[in-house]
Amino acid sequence: MILLSEISHPEDAATSARKILLSLSVPHCIEEHDLDIAGSIGISIYPGDGEDAETLIKNADTAMYHAKESGRNNFQFFKPEMNRQAVERQSLEGSLRHALERHEFLSAEAFHRSHHRS
């Protein structure tokens, strides 16, 4: 986590994120092993994205997961709709987990047999 306390505009945070990602993208050699490092950065801005540290961190974390979904070496600003998408994803994951526990999935073979009986 990085706190930028002296920014005037959101673009200042974007500039810092770009610099961090650029410095991570330089190949690193450790004990004769070349390492390629990629980063994902989520950005939340006070007070629009939260008025306390916990909310700002949670929202930056949500934005970071969206950055990861968008590919390597990416950053994303938090947007309120990200929370809605996260809730929908958690709901779907929970439903799938419950369906697995209740053995509610049919294999493709069982599905085929049930629909093609003589």
N, C-alpha and C. Protein backbone atom coordinates (compact mmCIF):
# COMPACT_ATOMS: atom_id res chain seq x y z
N MET A 1 0.85 -1.16 0.00
CA MET A 1 0.00 0.00 0.00
C MET A 1 0.90 1.23 0.00
N ILE A 2 0.52 2.18 -0.83
CA ILE A 2 1.25 3.45 -0.90
C ILE A 2 0.23 4.56 -0.67
N LEU A 3 0.56 5.46 0.22
CA LEU A 3 -0.29 6.62 0.49
C LEU A 3 0.36 7.84 -0.14
N LEU A 4 -0.38 8.47 -1.04
CA LEU A 4 0.09 9.72 -1.65
C LEU A 4 -0.70 10.85 -1.01
N SER A 5 -0.08 11.54 -0.08
CA SER A 5 -0.80 12.56 0.67
C SER A 5 -0.75 13.94 0.02
N GLU A 6 0.11 14.11 -0.95
CA GLU A 6 0.30 15.43 -1.55
C GLU A 6 -0.11 15.47 -3.02
N ILE A 7 -1.25 14.92 -3.36
CA ILE A 7 -1.70 15.01 -4.75
C ILE A 7 -2.81 16.04 -4.85
N SER A 8 -2.83 16.73 -5.97
CA SER A 8 -3.85 17.75 -6.20
C SER A 8 -4.96 17.24 -7.10
N HIS A 9 -4.62 16.32 -7.99
CA HIS A 9 -5.58 15.81 -8.98
C HIS A 9 -5.43 14.30 -9.10
N PRO A 10 -6.50 13.62 -9.44
CA PRO A 10 -6.41 12.16 -9.63
C PRO A 10 -5.31 11.76 -10.63
N GLU A 11 -5.08 12.58 -11.63
CA GLU A 11 -4.04 12.26 -12.62
C GLU A 11 -2.66 12.15 -11.97
N ASP A 12 -2.45 12.84 -10.83
CA ASP A 12 -1.18 12.71 -10.10
C ASP A 12 -1.00 11.28 -9.61
N ALA A 13 -2.08 10.65 -9.15
CA ALA A 13 -2.01 9.26 -8.70
C ALA A 13 -1.73 8.34 -9.89
N ALA A 14 -2.34 8.65 -11.03
CA ALA A 14 -2.11 7.86 -12.24
C ALA A 14 -0.65 7.95 -12.67
N THR A 15 -0.08 9.14 -12.58
CA THR A 15 1.34 9.32 -12.94
C THR A 15 2.23 8.49 -12.02
N SER A 16 1.93 8.51 -10.73
CA SER A 16 2.71 7.70 -9.78
C SER A 16 2.55 6.21 -10.08
N ALA A 17 1.34 5.78 -10.39
CA ALA A 17 1.09 4.37 -10.71
C ALA A 17 1.88 3.96 -11.95
N ARG A 18 1.89 4.81 -12.96
CA ARG A 18 2.66 4.50 -14.18
C ARG A 18 4.14 4.35 -13.87
N LYS A 19 4.67 5.23 -13.03
CA LYS A 19 6.10 5.18 -12.67
C LYS A 19 6.41 3.89 -11.91
N ILE A 20 5.53 3.50 -11.00
CA ILE A 20 5.74 2.27 -10.23
C ILE A 20 5.72 1.06 -11.16
N LEU A 21 4.72 1.01 -12.05
CA LEU A 21 4.61 -0.11 -12.98
C LEU A 21 5.81 -0.17 -13.92
N LEU A 22 6.29 0.98 -14.35
CA LEU A 22 7.47 1.02 -15.23
C LEU A 22 8.69 0.49 -14.49
N SER A 23 8.87 0.88 -13.24
CA SER A 23 10.04 0.40 -12.49
C SER A 23 9.95 -1.10 -12.21
N LEU A 24 8.74 -1.63 -12.05
CA LEU A 24 8.59 -3.07 -11.85
C LEU A 24 8.85 -3.86 -13.13
N SER A 25 8.58 -3.24 -14.27
CA SER A 25 8.67 -3.96 -15.54
C SER A 25 10.11 -4.17 -16.02
N VAL A 26 11.06 -3.48 -15.42
CA VAL A 26 12.47 -3.66 -15.77
C VAL A 26 12.88 -5.06 -15.31
N PRO A 27 13.50 -5.87 -16.19
CA PRO A 27 13.91 -7.22 -15.79
C PRO A 27 14.87 -7.18 -14.60
N HIS A 28 14.66 -8.11 -13.68
CA HIS A 28 15.50 -8.22 -12.49
C HIS A 28 16.23 -9.56 -12.54
N CYS A 29 17.51 -9.54 -12.18
CA CYS A 29 18.30 -10.77 -12.15
C CYS A 29 18.73 -11.02 -10.71
N ILE A 30 18.30 -12.15 -10.16
CA ILE A 30 18.65 -12.52 -8.80
C ILE A 30 19.26 -13.92 -8.84
N GLU A 31 20.50 -14.02 -8.42
CA GLU A 31 21.23 -15.30 -8.41
C GLU A 31 21.10 -16.02 -9.75
N GLU A 32 21.41 -15.29 -10.81
CA GLU A 32 21.40 -15.81 -12.18
C GLU A 32 20.03 -16.23 -12.70
N HIS A 33 18.99 -15.77 -12.05
CA HIS A 33 17.62 -16.03 -12.50
C HIS A 33 17.00 -14.70 -12.94
N ASP A 34 16.51 -14.67 -14.17
CA ASP A 34 15.83 -13.48 -14.67
C ASP A 34 14.38 -13.51 -14.19
N LEU A 35 13.97 -12.45 -13.58
CA LEU A 35 12.62 -12.34 -13.07
C LEU A 35 11.87 -11.24 -13.81
N ASP A 36 10.69 -11.58 -14.31
CA ASP A 36 9.81 -10.59 -14.90
C ASP A 36 8.71 -10.34 -13.89
N ILE A 37 8.62 -9.11 -13.45
CA ILE A 37 7.64 -8.75 -12.43
C ILE A 37 6.58 -7.85 -13.05
N ALA A 38 5.34 -8.17 -12.79
CA ALA A 38 4.23 -7.35 -13.26
C ALA A 38 3.45 -6.89 -12.03
N GLY A 39 2.80 -5.77 -12.16
CA GLY A 39 2.03 -5.24 -11.03
C GLY A 39 0.62 -4.90 -11.44
N SER A 40 -0.24 -4.87 -10.44
CA SER A 40 -1.61 -4.40 -10.60
C SER A 40 -1.87 -3.43 -9.47
N ILE A 41 -2.36 -2.27 -9.82
CA ILE A 41 -2.54 -1.21 -8.83
C ILE A 41 -3.99 -0.74 -8.83
N GLY A 42 -4.57 -0.67 -7.65
CA GLY A 42 -5.90 -0.10 -7.48
C GLY A 42 -5.78 1.24 -6.78
N ILE A 43 -6.52 2.22 -7.25
CA ILE A 43 -6.42 3.58 -6.71
C ILE A 43 -7.78 4.02 -6.20
N SER A 44 -7.80 4.52 -4.96
CA SER A 44 -8.99 5.18 -4.43
C SER A 44 -8.56 6.55 -3.93
N ILE A 45 -9.44 7.51 -4.08
CA ILE A 45 -9.12 8.91 -3.77
C ILE A 45 -10.03 9.42 -2.66
N TYR A 46 -9.44 10.04 -1.64
CA TYR A 46 -10.19 10.67 -0.56
C TYR A 46 -10.69 12.02 -1.03
N PRO A 47 -11.88 12.44 -0.73
CA PRO A 47 -12.94 11.77 0.02
C PRO A 47 -13.97 11.08 -0.88
N GLY A 48 -13.83 11.23 -2.20
CA GLY A 48 -14.85 10.70 -3.09
C GLY A 48 -15.04 9.19 -3.02
N ASP A 49 -13.96 8.45 -2.75
CA ASP A 49 -14.04 6.98 -2.71
C ASP A 49 -14.11 6.43 -1.30
N GLY A 50 -14.12 7.32 -0.32
CA GLY A 50 -14.21 6.90 1.07
C GLY A 50 -13.67 7.97 1.98
N GLU A 51 -14.24 8.04 3.18
CA GLU A 51 -13.82 9.07 4.12
C GLU A 51 -13.02 8.52 5.29
N ASP A 52 -12.77 7.20 5.28
CA ASP A 52 -11.94 6.60 6.33
C ASP A 52 -10.97 5.61 5.68
N ALA A 53 -9.92 5.28 6.41
CA ALA A 53 -8.87 4.43 5.86
C ALA A 53 -9.41 3.06 5.43
N GLU A 54 -10.28 2.47 6.24
CA GLU A 54 -10.81 1.14 5.92
C GLU A 54 -11.55 1.13 4.58
N THR A 55 -12.40 2.12 4.35
CA THR A 55 -13.15 2.20 3.10
C THR A 55 -12.22 2.46 1.92
N LEU A 56 -11.26 3.36 2.10
CA LEU A 56 -10.32 3.66 1.02
C LEU A 56 -9.49 2.44 0.65
N ILE A 57 -9.05 1.68 1.64
CA ILE A 57 -8.26 0.48 1.37
C ILE A 57 -9.13 -0.57 0.67
N LYS A 58 -10.35 -0.77 1.15
CA LYS A 58 -11.26 -1.75 0.53
C LYS A 58 -11.53 -1.38 -0.92
N ASN A 59 -11.78 -0.10 -1.18
CA ASN A 59 -12.07 0.33 -2.55
C ASN A 59 -10.84 0.25 -3.45
N ALA A 60 -9.67 0.56 -2.92
CA ALA A 60 -8.44 0.41 -3.70
C ALA A 60 -8.20 -1.07 -4.02
N ASP A 61 -8.50 -1.95 -3.06
CA ASP A 61 -8.35 -3.38 -3.28
C ASP A 61 -9.30 -3.86 -4.37
N THR A 62 -10.53 -3.38 -4.35
CA THR A 62 -11.50 -3.73 -5.39
C THR A 62 -10.99 -3.27 -6.75
N ALA A 63 -10.47 -2.06 -6.82
CA ALA A 63 -9.93 -1.54 -8.08
C ALA A 63 -8.72 -2.34 -8.54
N MET A 64 -7.91 -2.82 -7.58
CA MET A 64 -6.74 -3.62 -7.93
C MET A 64 -7.17 -4.93 -8.60
N TYR A 65 -8.23 -5.56 -8.09
CA TYR A 65 -8.70 -6.80 -8.71
C TYR A 65 -9.22 -6.54 -10.12
N HIS A 66 -9.82 -5.40 -10.34
CA HIS A 66 -10.24 -5.05 -11.70
C HIS A 66 -9.02 -4.82 -12.60
N ALA A 67 -7.97 -4.23 -12.03
CA ALA A 67 -6.74 -4.04 -12.79
C ALA A 67 -6.14 -5.40 -13.17
N LYS A 68 -6.16 -6.36 -12.25
CA LYS A 68 -5.63 -7.70 -12.54
C LYS A 68 -6.42 -8.35 -13.67
N GLU A 69 -7.73 -8.18 -13.66
CA GLU A 69 -8.57 -8.76 -14.70
C GLU A 69 -8.29 -8.13 -16.07
N SER A 70 -7.76 -6.92 -16.07
CA SER A 70 -7.50 -6.21 -17.32
C SER A 70 -6.14 -6.54 -17.92
N GLY A 71 -5.33 -7.32 -17.22
CA GLY A 71 -4.04 -7.71 -17.77
C GLY A 71 -2.88 -7.22 -16.94
N ARG A 72 -1.69 -7.57 -17.41
CA ARG A 72 -0.47 -7.25 -16.67
C ARG A 72 -0.16 -5.75 -16.71
N ASN A 73 0.55 -5.32 -15.67
CA ASN A 73 1.02 -3.93 -15.58
C ASN A 73 -0.08 -2.93 -15.86
N ASN A 74 -1.09 -2.96 -15.01
CA ASN A 74 -2.26 -2.12 -15.21
C ASN A 74 -2.65 -1.47 -13.89
N PHE A 75 -3.31 -0.34 -13.98
CA PHE A 75 -3.89 0.28 -12.79
C PHE A 75 -5.31 0.70 -13.13
N GLN A 76 -6.14 0.77 -12.09
CA GLN A 76 -7.52 1.18 -12.25
C GLN A 76 -7.90 2.09 -11.10
N PHE A 77 -8.66 3.12 -11.41
CA PHE A 77 -9.28 3.94 -10.37
C PHE A 77 -10.55 3.24 -9.91
N PHE A 78 -10.85 3.34 -8.63
CA PHE A 78 -12.08 2.77 -8.10
C PHE A 78 -13.29 3.49 -8.71
N LYS A 79 -14.30 2.70 -9.04
CA LYS A 79 -15.59 3.23 -9.50
C LYS A 79 -16.67 2.52 -8.70
N PRO A 80 -17.73 3.21 -8.28
CA PRO A 80 -18.76 2.57 -7.45
C PRO A 80 -19.36 1.31 -8.07
N GLU A 81 -19.48 1.24 -9.38
CA GLU A 81 -20.06 0.03 -10.00
C GLU A 81 -19.18 -1.20 -9.80
N MET A 82 -17.91 -1.00 -9.43
CA MET A 82 -17.04 -2.14 -9.15
C MET A 82 -17.57 -2.93 -7.95
N ASN A 83 -18.13 -2.23 -6.96
CA ASN A 83 -18.71 -2.92 -5.80
C ASN A 83 -19.88 -3.78 -6.22
N ARG A 84 -20.74 -3.27 -7.09
CA ARG A 84 -21.89 -4.03 -7.57
C ARG A 84 -21.42 -5.29 -8.28
N GLN A 85 -20.42 -5.15 -9.13
CA GLN A 85 -19.89 -6.30 -9.85
C GLN A 85 -19.28 -7.32 -8.89
N ALA A 86 -18.60 -6.83 -7.86
CA ALA A 86 -18.00 -7.74 -6.88
C ALA A 86 -19.08 -8.50 -6.12
N VAL A 87 -20.16 -7.83 -5.75
CA VAL A 87 -21.26 -8.49 -5.04
C VAL A 87 -21.90 -9.54 -5.95
N GLU A 88 -22.12 -9.20 -7.22
CA GLU A 88 -22.69 -10.16 -8.17
C GLU A 88 -21.79 -11.37 -8.33
N ARG A 89 -20.48 -11.16 -8.42
CA ARG A 89 -19.52 -12.26 -8.58
C ARG A 89 -19.54 -13.14 -7.33
N GLN A 90 -19.56 -12.52 -6.14
CA GLN A 90 -19.60 -13.31 -4.90
C GLN A 90 -20.88 -14.12 -4.81
N SER A 91 -21.99 -13.54 -5.23
CA SER A 91 -23.26 -14.26 -5.22
C SER A 91 -23.22 -15.47 -6.15
N LEU A 92 -22.70 -15.26 -7.34
CA LEU A 92 -22.58 -16.36 -8.31
C LEU A 92 -21.65 -17.45 -7.77
N GLU A 93 -20.52 -17.06 -7.20
CA GLU A 93 -19.59 -18.04 -6.64
C GLU A 93 -20.24 -18.83 -5.51
N GLY A 94 -21.01 -18.14 -4.67
CA GLY A 94 -21.71 -18.82 -3.58
C GLY A 94 -22.75 -19.80 -4.10
N SER A 95 -23.49 -19.40 -5.13
CA SER A 95 -24.49 -20.29 -5.73
C SER A 95 -23.83 -21.51 -6.34
N LEU A 96 -22.71 -21.31 -7.04
CA LEU A 96 -22.00 -22.44 -7.63
C LEU A 96 -21.46 -23.38 -6.55
N ARG A 97 -20.94 -22.81 -5.47
CA ARG A 97 -20.41 -23.63 -4.38
C ARG A 97 -21.52 -24.47 -3.76
N HIS A 98 -22.70 -23.87 -3.53
CA HIS A 98 -23.84 -24.61 -2.97
C HIS A 98 -24.32 -25.69 -3.93
N ALA A 99 -24.35 -25.38 -5.22
CA ALA A 99 -24.77 -26.37 -6.21
C ALA A 99 -23.80 -27.56 -6.23
N LEU A 100 -22.51 -27.28 -6.10
CA LEU A 100 -21.53 -28.37 -6.04
C LEU A 100 -21.75 -29.23 -4.80
N GLU A 101 -22.00 -28.57 -3.67
CA GLU A 101 -22.22 -29.31 -2.42
C GLU A 101 -23.46 -30.21 -2.52
N ARG A 102 -24.47 -29.78 -3.27
CA ARG A 102 -25.72 -30.53 -3.41
C ARG A 102 -25.71 -31.45 -4.63
N HIS A 103 -24.56 -31.52 -5.32
CA HIS A 103 -24.40 -32.37 -6.50
C HIS A 103 -25.47 -32.08 -7.54
N GLU A 104 -25.66 -30.80 -7.83
CA GLU A 104 -26.70 -30.39 -8.77
C GLU A 104 -26.21 -30.24 -10.20
N PHE A 105 -24.98 -30.62 -10.48
CA PHE A 105 -24.46 -30.53 -11.83
C PHE A 105 -24.54 -31.88 -12.52
N LEU A 106 -24.89 -31.86 -13.78
CA LEU A 106 -24.90 -33.07 -14.60
C LEU A 106 -23.67 -33.07 -15.49
N SER A 107 -23.09 -34.23 -15.68
CA SER A 107 -22.00 -34.32 -16.64
C SER A 107 -22.59 -34.21 -18.04
N ALA A 108 -21.77 -33.90 -19.01
CA ALA A 108 -22.26 -33.80 -20.40
C ALA A 108 -22.83 -35.14 -20.85
N GLU A 109 -22.20 -36.23 -20.41
CA GLU A 109 -22.68 -37.56 -20.79
C GLU A 109 -24.06 -37.83 -20.19
N ALA A 110 -24.24 -37.50 -18.90
CA ALA A 110 -25.53 -37.72 -18.26
C ALA A 110 -26.60 -36.84 -18.89
N PHE A 111 -26.25 -35.63 -19.22
CA PHE A 111 -27.20 -34.72 -19.89
C PHE A 111 -27.62 -35.31 -21.23
N HIS A 112 -26.66 -35.79 -21.99
CA HIS A 112 -26.94 -36.36 -23.31
C HIS A 112 -27.86 -37.58 -23.17
N ARG A 113 -27.55 -38.47 -22.20
CA ARG A 113 -28.38 -39.66 -21.99
C ARG A 113 -29.80 -39.29 -21.59
N SER A 114 -29.95 -38.29 -20.74
CA SER A 114 -31.29 -37.94 -20.25
C SER A 114 -32.15 -37.31 -21.35
N HIS A 115 -31.54 -36.75 -22.36
CA HIS A 115 -32.28 -36.11 -23.44
C HIS A 115 -32.38 -36.95 -24.71
N HIS A 116 -31.76 -38.12 -24.72
CA HIS A 116 -31.79 -38.97 -25.91
C HIS A 116 -32.14 -40.41 -25.56
N ARG A 117 -33.12 -40.58 -24.70
CA ARG A 117 -33.55 -41.92 -24.34
C ARG A 117 -34.43 -42.49 -25.44
N SER A 118 -34.32 -43.77 -25.67
CA SER A 118 -35.15 -44.42 -26.72
C SER A 118 -36.50 -44.80 -26.17
